[in-house]
């Protein structure tokens, strides 16, 4: 069976759907320089795509969702905080002057 044939699956009504590539949590952590706990927190808050458990101990992520997240993570957001109990950048700069 060719790779192309493996990537497509027959649906019950005869339509062919393309399977999405999945990567493990370890592969996500190799690509994104954060800790496992930070990944879990971001996922829980909705800041990172949700992983799916394919077995009780194996969490996988859709590669396309992770790539899409990477593309949007650097977008400018003026309301983004700078950490706990820290002033927004504008106030911090005005306080120095």
Foldseek 3Di string as FASTA:
>chain_A
DDPQVVQWDADPVGDIDGHFDKDWPVVLCVVDVDDPVVVVVCCVVVLAPDWDDPDPPTTIDGPVRRVVSVVPVPDDDQPDDDDPPDDRPVVVVVVVD
